[in-house]
Amino acid sequence: MFRMKALVATLATVALVAASSTLSAAPVRASAPSFDLLADGVFGCRLTISAKNESNGPVTIKLGESRSKNRGSPIWNRWNRESNWVINPTGNVQSNVVDLDLPCSAGDRRYEFEMSKAGTTKVIEFPANNDFTGDVTIGLGNVARHF
């Protein structure tokens, strides 16, 4: 969080210096940099994940082991969340929210979800076929189908 505050302060300073060195006779207004600020004060993109479970046992999505990457980047980023999401076998759609590391405007993303059921763990990619998506609502459907 400290690094993000330092970045914002640096960007604001650069904008003010650039505005004061303009040779124009007209007044110049420096605007603050634009970021997606989440409710808890974290910069990033809020992702809503929905899933259902039509099996006879719970499926767990390990949010701390799940990750995302932006189009054009070779780097996968783990989410800043060390919890598990248990999807109980009700057949009803359940939702959870995670905060990603970069703003939504940073471009399309690809996701990897680590899931487990009855001692078996699998990594599921979304969207399929090495595609990317700009959607901030991800529907995983019936997660039990992967086991």
N, C-alpha and C. Protein backbone atom coordinates (compact mmCIF):
# COMPACT_ATOMS: atom_id res chain seq x y z
N MET A 1 0.82 -1.18 0.00
CA MET A 1 0.00 0.00 0.00
C MET A 1 0.87 1.25 0.00
N PHE A 2 2.02 1.19 0.75
CA PHE A 2 2.92 2.34 0.81
C PHE A 2 3.46 2.67 -0.57
N ARG A 3 3.84 1.62 -1.35
CA ARG A 3 4.36 1.88 -2.69
C ARG A 3 3.33 2.56 -3.57
N MET A 4 2.05 2.20 -3.44
CA MET A 4 1.01 2.79 -4.26
C MET A 4 0.83 4.26 -3.90
N LYS A 5 0.88 4.59 -2.59
CA LYS A 5 0.75 5.98 -2.17
C LYS A 5 1.93 6.80 -2.70
N ALA A 6 3.13 6.22 -2.67
CA ALA A 6 4.31 6.91 -3.17
C ALA A 6 4.18 7.15 -4.68
N LEU A 7 3.64 6.18 -5.39
CA LEU A 7 3.44 6.33 -6.84
C LEU A 7 2.46 7.45 -7.14
N VAL A 8 1.36 7.50 -6.40
CA VAL A 8 0.37 8.55 -6.62
C VAL A 8 0.98 9.92 -6.34
N ALA A 9 1.75 10.04 -5.25
CA ALA A 9 2.39 11.31 -4.91
C ALA A 9 3.38 11.72 -6.00
N THR A 10 4.14 10.77 -6.52
CA THR A 10 5.11 11.06 -7.57
C THR A 10 4.40 11.52 -8.84
N LEU A 11 3.35 10.83 -9.23
CA LEU A 11 2.61 11.21 -10.43
C LEU A 11 1.98 12.58 -10.29
N ALA A 12 1.45 12.91 -9.13
CA ALA A 12 0.86 14.22 -8.91
C ALA A 12 1.93 15.31 -8.99
N THR A 13 3.11 15.04 -8.45
CA THR A 13 4.21 16.00 -8.51
C THR A 13 4.65 16.23 -9.95
N VAL A 14 4.79 15.17 -10.72
CA VAL A 14 5.17 15.28 -12.13
C VAL A 14 4.14 16.11 -12.88
N ALA A 15 2.87 15.89 -12.63
CA ALA A 15 1.82 16.65 -13.31
C ALA A 15 1.90 18.13 -12.96
N LEU A 16 2.17 18.46 -11.70
CA LEU A 16 2.27 19.85 -11.30
C LEU A 16 3.50 20.52 -11.89
N VAL A 17 4.64 19.83 -11.92
CA VAL A 17 5.86 20.39 -12.51
C VAL A 17 5.64 20.63 -14.00
N ALA A 18 5.04 19.68 -14.68
CA ALA A 18 4.77 19.83 -16.11
C ALA A 18 3.83 21.01 -16.35
N ALA A 19 2.83 21.18 -15.50
CA ALA A 19 1.88 22.28 -15.66
C ALA A 19 2.55 23.63 -15.42
N SER A 20 3.45 23.71 -14.45
CA SER A 20 4.08 24.99 -14.14
C SER A 20 5.14 25.38 -15.16
N SER A 21 5.66 24.43 -15.93
CA SER A 21 6.69 24.75 -16.91
C SER A 21 6.11 25.00 -18.30
N THR A 22 4.79 25.04 -18.41
CA THR A 22 4.14 25.29 -19.70
C THR A 22 4.31 26.75 -20.08
N LEU A 23 4.65 27.04 -21.33
CA LEU A 23 4.89 28.40 -21.80
C LEU A 23 3.62 29.10 -22.23
N SER A 24 2.51 28.47 -22.14
CA SER A 24 1.24 29.03 -22.58
C SER A 24 0.81 30.16 -21.64
N ALA A 25 0.18 31.18 -22.21
CA ALA A 25 -0.33 32.27 -21.40
C ALA A 25 -1.60 31.88 -20.67
N ALA A 26 -2.29 30.87 -21.16
CA ALA A 26 -3.53 30.42 -20.53
C ALA A 26 -3.20 29.62 -19.28
N PRO A 27 -4.00 29.72 -18.23
CA PRO A 27 -3.75 28.93 -17.03
C PRO A 27 -3.91 27.44 -17.33
N VAL A 28 -3.11 26.64 -16.66
CA VAL A 28 -3.11 25.19 -16.85
C VAL A 28 -3.57 24.55 -15.56
N ARG A 29 -4.53 23.63 -15.67
CA ARG A 29 -5.00 22.88 -14.50
C ARG A 29 -4.43 21.49 -14.55
N ALA A 30 -3.70 21.12 -13.54
CA ALA A 30 -3.17 19.76 -13.45
C ALA A 30 -4.25 18.88 -12.85
N SER A 31 -4.52 17.76 -13.50
CA SER A 31 -5.52 16.85 -12.96
C SER A 31 -4.83 15.66 -12.32
N ALA A 32 -5.46 15.13 -11.31
CA ALA A 32 -4.91 13.96 -10.62
C ALA A 32 -4.98 12.75 -11.54
N PRO A 33 -4.02 11.84 -11.41
CA PRO A 33 -4.07 10.63 -12.23
C PRO A 33 -5.34 9.83 -11.93
N SER A 34 -5.83 9.12 -12.92
CA SER A 34 -7.06 8.35 -12.78
C SER A 34 -6.74 6.90 -12.44
N PHE A 35 -7.27 6.40 -11.35
CA PHE A 35 -7.10 5.01 -10.93
C PHE A 35 -8.46 4.47 -10.56
N ASP A 36 -8.59 3.15 -10.60
CA ASP A 36 -9.79 2.50 -10.08
C ASP A 36 -9.54 2.28 -8.59
N LEU A 37 -10.22 3.01 -7.74
CA LEU A 37 -10.04 2.88 -6.30
C LEU A 37 -11.19 2.06 -5.74
N LEU A 38 -10.84 0.93 -5.15
CA LEU A 38 -11.86 0.04 -4.60
C LEU A 38 -12.32 0.55 -3.25
N ALA A 39 -13.42 0.03 -2.77
CA ALA A 39 -14.03 0.50 -1.54
C ALA A 39 -13.09 0.43 -0.35
N ASP A 40 -12.22 -0.57 -0.31
CA ASP A 40 -11.32 -0.70 0.84
C ASP A 40 -10.02 0.06 0.64
N GLY A 41 -9.95 0.93 -0.36
CA GLY A 41 -8.77 1.76 -0.56
C GLY A 41 -7.67 1.11 -1.37
N VAL A 42 -7.94 -0.02 -1.99
CA VAL A 42 -6.94 -0.74 -2.78
C VAL A 42 -7.13 -0.38 -4.25
N PHE A 43 -6.03 -0.10 -4.96
CA PHE A 43 -6.12 0.15 -6.39
C PHE A 43 -6.18 -1.19 -7.09
N GLY A 44 -7.06 -1.32 -8.05
CA GLY A 44 -7.17 -2.57 -8.77
C GLY A 44 -8.52 -2.70 -9.44
N CYS A 45 -8.87 -3.92 -9.75
CA CYS A 45 -10.12 -4.19 -10.44
C CYS A 45 -10.89 -5.22 -9.62
N ARG A 46 -12.13 -4.94 -9.37
CA ARG A 46 -12.98 -5.85 -8.59
C ARG A 46 -13.60 -6.87 -9.54
N LEU A 47 -13.34 -8.15 -9.28
CA LEU A 47 -13.81 -9.25 -10.09
C LEU A 47 -14.87 -10.04 -9.33
N THR A 48 -16.04 -10.24 -9.95
CA THR A 48 -17.09 -11.05 -9.34
C THR A 48 -17.09 -12.41 -10.03
N ILE A 49 -16.97 -13.46 -9.23
CA ILE A 49 -16.93 -14.83 -9.74
C ILE A 49 -18.20 -15.53 -9.28
N SER A 50 -18.87 -16.18 -10.22
CA SER A 50 -20.04 -16.97 -9.83
C SER A 50 -19.84 -18.41 -10.27
N ALA A 51 -20.40 -19.31 -9.47
CA ALA A 51 -20.27 -20.74 -9.75
C ALA A 51 -21.40 -21.47 -9.05
N LYS A 52 -21.63 -22.69 -9.50
CA LYS A 52 -22.58 -23.55 -8.80
C LYS A 52 -21.98 -24.95 -8.73
N ASN A 53 -22.57 -25.76 -7.89
CA ASN A 53 -22.05 -27.10 -7.66
C ASN A 53 -23.22 -28.08 -7.69
N GLU A 54 -23.26 -28.90 -8.73
CA GLU A 54 -24.33 -29.88 -8.87
C GLU A 54 -23.78 -31.29 -8.63
N SER A 55 -23.12 -31.47 -7.50
CA SER A 55 -22.57 -32.79 -7.18
C SER A 55 -23.00 -33.16 -5.76
N ASN A 56 -22.40 -34.21 -5.24
CA ASN A 56 -22.77 -34.66 -3.90
C ASN A 56 -21.75 -34.23 -2.84
N GLY A 57 -20.79 -33.38 -3.18
CA GLY A 57 -19.82 -32.92 -2.19
C GLY A 57 -19.31 -31.52 -2.54
N PRO A 58 -18.75 -30.82 -1.56
CA PRO A 58 -18.30 -29.45 -1.80
C PRO A 58 -17.09 -29.38 -2.74
N VAL A 59 -17.01 -28.29 -3.48
CA VAL A 59 -15.85 -27.96 -4.32
C VAL A 59 -15.26 -26.69 -3.73
N THR A 60 -13.95 -26.69 -3.55
CA THR A 60 -13.26 -25.52 -2.99
C THR A 60 -12.43 -24.84 -4.07
N ILE A 61 -12.60 -23.53 -4.21
CA ILE A 61 -11.72 -22.74 -5.07
C ILE A 61 -10.72 -22.08 -4.14
N LYS A 62 -9.46 -22.37 -4.35
CA LYS A 62 -8.39 -21.82 -3.52
C LYS A 62 -8.02 -20.45 -4.07
N LEU A 63 -8.62 -19.41 -3.52
CA LEU A 63 -8.42 -18.05 -4.02
C LEU A 63 -6.98 -17.59 -3.88
N GLY A 64 -6.29 -18.04 -2.83
CA GLY A 64 -4.89 -17.67 -2.64
C GLY A 64 -3.95 -18.31 -3.64
N GLU A 65 -4.40 -19.37 -4.29
CA GLU A 65 -3.59 -20.05 -5.31
C GLU A 65 -4.05 -19.72 -6.72
N SER A 66 -5.18 -19.07 -6.86
CA SER A 66 -5.68 -18.67 -8.18
C SER A 66 -4.93 -17.43 -8.62
N ARG A 67 -4.92 -17.18 -9.94
CA ARG A 67 -4.13 -16.06 -10.43
C ARG A 67 -4.66 -15.55 -11.77
N SER A 68 -4.12 -14.42 -12.20
CA SER A 68 -4.53 -13.82 -13.47
C SER A 68 -3.32 -13.19 -14.14
N LYS A 69 -3.47 -12.97 -15.45
CA LYS A 69 -2.45 -12.22 -16.18
C LYS A 69 -3.13 -11.40 -17.26
N ASN A 70 -2.49 -10.29 -17.61
CA ASN A 70 -3.02 -9.42 -18.64
C ASN A 70 -2.52 -9.86 -20.01
N ARG A 71 -3.30 -9.56 -21.04
CA ARG A 71 -2.90 -9.87 -22.41
C ARG A 71 -1.55 -9.22 -22.70
N GLY A 72 -0.66 -9.96 -23.32
CA GLY A 72 0.66 -9.44 -23.68
C GLY A 72 1.69 -9.58 -22.58
N SER A 73 1.28 -9.98 -21.39
CA SER A 73 2.21 -10.14 -20.28
C SER A 73 2.49 -11.62 -20.04
N PRO A 74 3.76 -11.98 -19.83
CA PRO A 74 4.06 -13.37 -19.51
C PRO A 74 3.90 -13.66 -18.01
N ILE A 75 3.60 -12.64 -17.21
CA ILE A 75 3.60 -12.77 -15.75
C ILE A 75 2.19 -13.07 -15.22
N TRP A 76 2.11 -14.15 -14.45
CA TRP A 76 0.87 -14.49 -13.75
C TRP A 76 0.95 -13.89 -12.36
N ASN A 77 -0.12 -13.26 -11.89
CA ASN A 77 -0.16 -12.64 -10.57
C ASN A 77 -1.15 -13.35 -9.68
N ARG A 78 -0.67 -13.75 -8.50
CA ARG A 78 -1.58 -14.34 -7.51
C ARG A 78 -2.42 -13.22 -6.92
N TRP A 79 -3.62 -13.56 -6.50
CA TRP A 79 -4.51 -12.57 -5.92
C TRP A 79 -4.12 -12.35 -4.48
N ASN A 80 -4.31 -11.15 -4.01
CA ASN A 80 -3.96 -10.81 -2.64
C ASN A 80 -5.09 -11.27 -1.71
N ARG A 81 -5.26 -12.55 -1.68
CA ARG A 81 -6.36 -13.10 -0.89
C ARG A 81 -5.96 -14.50 -0.46
N GLU A 82 -5.89 -14.75 0.81
CA GLU A 82 -5.45 -16.05 1.31
C GLU A 82 -6.62 -16.84 1.89
N SER A 83 -7.67 -16.96 1.15
CA SER A 83 -8.81 -17.71 1.65
C SER A 83 -9.28 -18.71 0.62
N ASN A 84 -10.10 -19.61 1.10
CA ASN A 84 -10.73 -20.59 0.23
C ASN A 84 -12.21 -20.27 0.12
N TRP A 85 -12.77 -20.59 -1.03
CA TRP A 85 -14.20 -20.38 -1.26
C TRP A 85 -14.82 -21.76 -1.44
N VAL A 86 -15.62 -22.17 -0.49
CA VAL A 86 -16.27 -23.48 -0.55
C VAL A 86 -17.62 -23.32 -1.23
N ILE A 87 -17.79 -24.06 -2.32
CA ILE A 87 -19.05 -24.03 -3.06
C ILE A 87 -19.80 -25.30 -2.71
N ASN A 88 -20.83 -25.13 -1.90
CA ASN A 88 -21.59 -26.28 -1.43
C ASN A 88 -22.50 -26.83 -2.52
N PRO A 89 -22.83 -28.12 -2.44
CA PRO A 89 -23.61 -28.77 -3.49
C PRO A 89 -25.11 -28.48 -3.42
N THR A 90 -25.46 -27.22 -3.58
CA THR A 90 -26.89 -26.85 -3.55
C THR A 90 -27.48 -26.78 -4.94
N GLY A 91 -26.63 -26.64 -5.96
CA GLY A 91 -27.12 -26.45 -7.32
C GLY A 91 -27.45 -24.99 -7.62
N ASN A 92 -27.42 -24.15 -6.58
CA ASN A 92 -27.70 -22.72 -6.75
C ASN A 92 -26.41 -21.97 -7.09
N VAL A 93 -26.54 -20.88 -7.83
CA VAL A 93 -25.39 -20.06 -8.17
C VAL A 93 -24.96 -19.28 -6.93
N GLN A 94 -23.67 -19.34 -6.65
CA GLN A 94 -23.07 -18.61 -5.54
C GLN A 94 -22.03 -17.66 -6.10
N SER A 95 -21.78 -16.54 -5.42
CA SER A 95 -20.84 -15.54 -5.93
C SER A 95 -19.82 -15.16 -4.87
N ASN A 96 -18.66 -14.70 -5.35
CA ASN A 96 -17.59 -14.20 -4.50
C ASN A 96 -16.90 -13.07 -5.24
N VAL A 97 -16.27 -12.16 -4.52
CA VAL A 97 -15.59 -11.01 -5.11
C VAL A 97 -14.13 -11.03 -4.72
N VAL A 98 -13.24 -10.79 -5.70
CA VAL A 98 -11.81 -10.64 -5.43
C VAL A 98 -11.34 -9.33 -6.06
N ASP A 99 -10.30 -8.77 -5.49
CA ASP A 99 -9.70 -7.55 -6.00
C ASP A 99 -8.40 -7.90 -6.70
N LEU A 100 -8.30 -7.53 -7.97
CA LEU A 100 -7.11 -7.82 -8.76
C LEU A 100 -6.08 -6.72 -8.59
N ASP A 101 -4.86 -6.98 -9.05
CA ASP A 101 -3.74 -6.08 -8.80
C ASP A 101 -3.73 -4.83 -9.68
N LEU A 102 -4.24 -4.89 -10.89
CA LEU A 102 -4.21 -3.76 -11.81
C LEU A 102 -5.62 -3.23 -12.05
N PRO A 103 -5.76 -1.97 -12.46
CA PRO A 103 -7.09 -1.44 -12.73
C PRO A 103 -7.79 -2.18 -13.87
N CYS A 104 -9.10 -2.11 -13.90
CA CYS A 104 -9.87 -2.76 -14.96
C CYS A 104 -9.48 -2.25 -16.34
N SER A 105 -9.05 -1.00 -16.41
CA SER A 105 -8.67 -0.40 -17.69
C SER A 105 -7.33 -0.92 -18.21
N ALA A 106 -6.66 -1.77 -17.44
CA ALA A 106 -5.34 -2.30 -17.86
C ALA A 106 -5.47 -3.30 -19.01
N GLY A 107 -6.66 -3.72 -19.35
CA GLY A 107 -6.84 -4.60 -20.50
C GLY A 107 -7.40 -5.96 -20.14
N ASP A 108 -7.52 -6.79 -21.17
CA ASP A 108 -8.10 -8.13 -21.02
C ASP A 108 -7.20 -9.01 -20.17
N ARG A 109 -7.85 -9.94 -19.46
CA ARG A 109 -7.13 -10.87 -18.57
C ARG A 109 -7.50 -12.31 -18.88
N ARG A 110 -6.64 -13.18 -18.41
CA ARG A 110 -6.85 -14.63 -18.43
C ARG A 110 -6.74 -15.08 -16.98
N TYR A 111 -7.51 -16.08 -16.59
CA TYR A 111 -7.56 -16.51 -15.20
C TYR A 111 -7.25 -18.00 -15.06
N GLU A 112 -6.62 -18.35 -13.95
CA GLU A 112 -6.43 -19.75 -13.55
C GLU A 112 -7.04 -19.90 -12.16
N PHE A 113 -7.95 -20.86 -12.04
CA PHE A 113 -8.60 -21.13 -10.76
C PHE A 113 -8.13 -22.49 -10.27
N GLU A 114 -7.57 -22.54 -9.06
CA GLU A 114 -7.20 -23.81 -8.48
C GLU A 114 -8.38 -24.30 -7.66
N MET A 115 -8.87 -25.51 -8.01
CA MET A 115 -10.05 -26.08 -7.37
C MET A 115 -9.71 -27.45 -6.80
N SER A 116 -10.43 -27.81 -5.74
CA SER A 116 -10.24 -29.15 -5.18
C SER A 116 -11.58 -29.73 -4.76
N LYS A 117 -11.62 -31.06 -4.85
CA LYS A 117 -12.81 -31.79 -4.41
C LYS A 117 -12.36 -33.17 -3.97
N ALA A 118 -12.70 -33.51 -2.74
CA ALA A 118 -12.41 -34.84 -2.19
C ALA A 118 -10.94 -35.25 -2.39
N GLY A 119 -10.03 -34.32 -2.14
CA GLY A 119 -8.60 -34.63 -2.22
C GLY A 119 -7.97 -34.50 -3.60
N THR A 120 -8.75 -34.22 -4.62
CA THR A 120 -8.24 -34.03 -5.97
C THR A 120 -8.19 -32.54 -6.28
N THR A 121 -7.04 -32.08 -6.80
CA THR A 121 -6.88 -30.66 -7.13
C THR A 121 -6.67 -30.51 -8.63
N LYS A 122 -7.31 -29.52 -9.20
CA LYS A 122 -7.17 -29.21 -10.63
C LYS A 122 -7.04 -27.71 -10.81
N VAL A 123 -6.34 -27.31 -11.87
CA VAL A 123 -6.25 -25.90 -12.24
C VAL A 123 -7.08 -25.72 -13.51
N ILE A 124 -8.06 -24.83 -13.44
CA ILE A 124 -8.97 -24.59 -14.54
C ILE A 124 -8.70 -23.20 -15.10
N GLU A 125 -8.53 -23.10 -16.42
CA GLU A 125 -8.28 -21.81 -17.05
C GLU A 125 -9.57 -21.21 -17.58
N PHE A 126 -9.66 -19.89 -17.47
CA PHE A 126 -10.82 -19.16 -17.98
C PHE A 126 -10.35 -17.88 -18.64
N PRO A 127 -10.87 -17.54 -19.81
CA PRO A 127 -11.69 -18.38 -20.68
C PRO A 127 -10.88 -19.51 -21.31
N ALA A 128 -11.57 -20.41 -21.97
CA ALA A 128 -10.93 -21.57 -22.59
C ALA A 128 -10.14 -21.15 -23.83
N ASN A 129 -9.39 -22.07 -24.36
CA ASN A 129 -8.66 -21.91 -25.63
C ASN A 129 -7.66 -20.77 -25.63
N ASN A 130 -6.99 -20.55 -24.49
CA ASN A 130 -5.98 -19.49 -24.37
C ASN A 130 -6.51 -18.11 -24.73
N ASP A 131 -7.79 -17.89 -24.52
CA ASP A 131 -8.41 -16.60 -24.81
C ASP A 131 -8.23 -15.65 -23.62
N PHE A 132 -8.62 -14.39 -23.80
CA PHE A 132 -8.61 -13.38 -22.76
C PHE A 132 -9.98 -12.72 -22.73
N THR A 133 -10.32 -12.10 -21.59
CA THR A 133 -11.60 -11.42 -21.48
C THR A 133 -11.44 -10.11 -20.71
N GLY A 134 -12.26 -9.15 -21.07
CA GLY A 134 -12.31 -7.89 -20.34
C GLY A 134 -13.45 -7.84 -19.35
N ASP A 135 -14.24 -8.92 -19.28
CA ASP A 135 -15.38 -8.98 -18.36
C ASP A 135 -14.90 -8.94 -16.91
N VAL A 136 -15.64 -8.27 -16.06
CA VAL A 136 -15.33 -8.25 -14.63
C VAL A 136 -16.32 -9.12 -13.85
N THR A 137 -17.16 -9.85 -14.58
CA THR A 137 -18.03 -10.86 -14.00
C THR A 137 -17.74 -12.17 -14.72
N ILE A 138 -17.27 -13.15 -13.97
CA ILE A 138 -16.86 -14.43 -14.53
C ILE A 138 -17.83 -15.51 -14.06
N GLY A 139 -18.45 -16.21 -14.99
CA GLY A 139 -19.35 -17.30 -14.67
C GLY A 139 -18.69 -18.64 -14.94
N LEU A 140 -18.36 -19.37 -13.89
CA LEU A 140 -17.68 -20.66 -14.04
C LEU A 140 -18.63 -21.82 -14.27
N GLY A 141 -19.92 -21.58 -14.11
CA GLY A 141 -20.88 -22.66 -14.32
C GLY A 141 -20.80 -23.71 -13.23
N ASN A 142 -21.10 -24.96 -13.58
CA ASN A 142 -21.06 -26.07 -12.63
C ASN A 142 -19.62 -26.52 -12.45
N VAL A 143 -18.98 -26.11 -11.35
CA VAL A 143 -17.56 -26.44 -11.14
C VAL A 143 -17.33 -27.92 -10.86
N ALA A 144 -18.35 -28.64 -10.49
CA ALA A 144 -18.20 -30.08 -10.23
C ALA A 144 -17.90 -30.86 -11.51
N ARG A 145 -18.17 -30.29 -12.66
CA ARG A 145 -17.93 -31.01 -13.93
C ARG A 145 -16.45 -31.26 -14.18
N HIS A 146 -15.58 -30.55 -13.48
CA HIS A 146 -14.13 -30.72 -13.67
C HIS A 146 -13.58 -31.92 -12.89
N PHE A 147 -14.43 -32.58 -12.09
CA PHE A 147 -13.94 -33.71 -11.27
C PHE A 147 -14.64 -34.99 -11.63
